[in-house]
């Protein structure tokens, strides 16, 4: 699925970039619930803003370790 930004003027939704699609192509239009989500969806995130979370001072994690952590987190959310 492709995601683009657009503008709604009360009657028509207009994309902010030109699309190379056939006429009558089916689309799904979603409106942000509030301004906070709207700002978050359009904000540019730089690598420098999130690179701190990549640091690990311990041993390398295996794929099994990561999958177990995801499963643990899912169980915690359900309970």
Protein backbone atom coordinates (compact mmCIF):
# COMPACT_ATOMS: atom_id res chain seq x y z
CA UNK A 1 0.00 0.00 0.00
CA UNK A 2 1.27 3.47 -0.83
CA UNK A 3 0.78 6.39 1.54
CA UNK A 4 0.73 10.04 0.44
CA UNK A 5 -0.41 13.30 1.98
CA UNK A 6 -3.30 15.30 0.63
CA UNK A 7 -5.53 18.27 1.34
CA UNK A 8 -9.29 18.14 1.94
CA UNK A 9 -11.14 21.39 1.14
CA UNK A 10 -14.54 20.26 2.42
CA UNK A 11 -15.57 18.67 -0.87
CA UNK A 12 -12.53 17.19 -2.58
CA UNK A 13 -9.37 15.41 -1.49
CA UNK A 14 -6.34 16.46 -3.51
CA UNK A 15 -2.96 14.73 -3.31
CA UNK A 16 0.09 16.89 -2.61
CA UNK A 17 2.16 14.99 -5.18
CA UNK A 18 1.42 13.76 -8.68
CA UNK A 19 0.38 10.14 -8.86
CA UNK A 20 0.98 7.84 -11.79
CA UNK A 21 -2.16 5.70 -11.43
CA UNK A 22 -5.09 4.87 -13.69
CA UNK A 23 -8.33 6.86 -13.36
CA UNK A 24 -10.96 5.27 -11.09
CA UNK A 25 -8.30 3.57 -8.97
CA UNK A 26 -9.74 2.58 -5.58
CA UNK A 27 -8.26 4.54 -2.66
CA UNK A 28 -8.73 4.60 1.10
CA UNK A 29 -8.80 8.04 2.72
CA UNK A 30 -8.01 8.32 6.42
CA UNK A 31 -8.29 11.50 8.46
CA UNK A 32 -6.13 11.98 11.56
CA UNK A 33 -8.24 11.96 14.72
CA UNK A 34 -6.50 14.95 16.25
CA UNK A 35 -3.79 17.52 15.57
CA UNK A 36 -1.21 15.57 17.58
CA UNK A 37 -1.43 12.57 15.25
CA UNK A 38 -1.37 14.86 12.23
CA UNK A 39 1.88 16.46 13.37
CA UNK A 40 3.45 13.10 14.20
CA UNK A 41 2.57 11.68 10.80
CA UNK A 42 4.19 14.53 8.91
CA UNK A 43 7.23 15.13 11.10
CA UNK A 44 10.59 14.19 9.62
CA UNK A 45 12.65 11.91 11.86
CA UNK A 46 16.41 12.10 11.57
CA UNK A 47 18.73 9.19 12.34
CA UNK A 48 20.47 11.35 14.96
CA UNK A 49 17.16 11.65 16.84
CA UNK A 50 16.82 7.89 17.35
CA UNK A 51 20.35 6.47 17.02
CA UNK A 52 20.82 6.50 20.81
CA UNK A 53 18.44 3.57 21.12
CA UNK A 54 20.78 1.43 18.98
CA UNK A 55 23.61 1.29 21.54
CA UNK A 56 24.05 -2.09 23.25
CA UNK A 57 26.83 -2.68 25.78
CA UNK A 58 26.13 -6.40 26.13
CA UNK A 59 26.49 -9.45 23.92
CA UNK A 60 24.84 -9.55 20.50
CA UNK A 61 21.23 -10.70 20.52
CA UNK A 62 20.08 -13.65 18.46
CA UNK A 63 16.90 -13.78 16.42
CA UNK A 64 15.49 -16.20 19.02
CA UNK A 65 16.21 -13.63 21.77
CA UNK A 66 14.36 -10.95 19.81
CA UNK A 67 11.38 -13.18 19.05
CA UNK A 68 11.15 -14.20 22.71
CA UNK A 69 11.18 -10.54 23.78
CA UNK A 70 8.39 -9.73 21.30
CA UNK A 71 6.34 -12.66 22.58
CA UNK A 72 6.93 -11.59 26.21
CA UNK A 73 5.84 -8.04 25.39
CA UNK A 74 2.69 -9.26 23.64
CA UNK A 75 1.78 -11.44 26.63
CA UNK A 76 2.32 -8.50 29.01
CA UNK A 77 0.05 -6.26 26.93
CA UNK A 78 -2.74 -8.84 26.93
CA UNK A 79 -2.70 -9.32 30.72
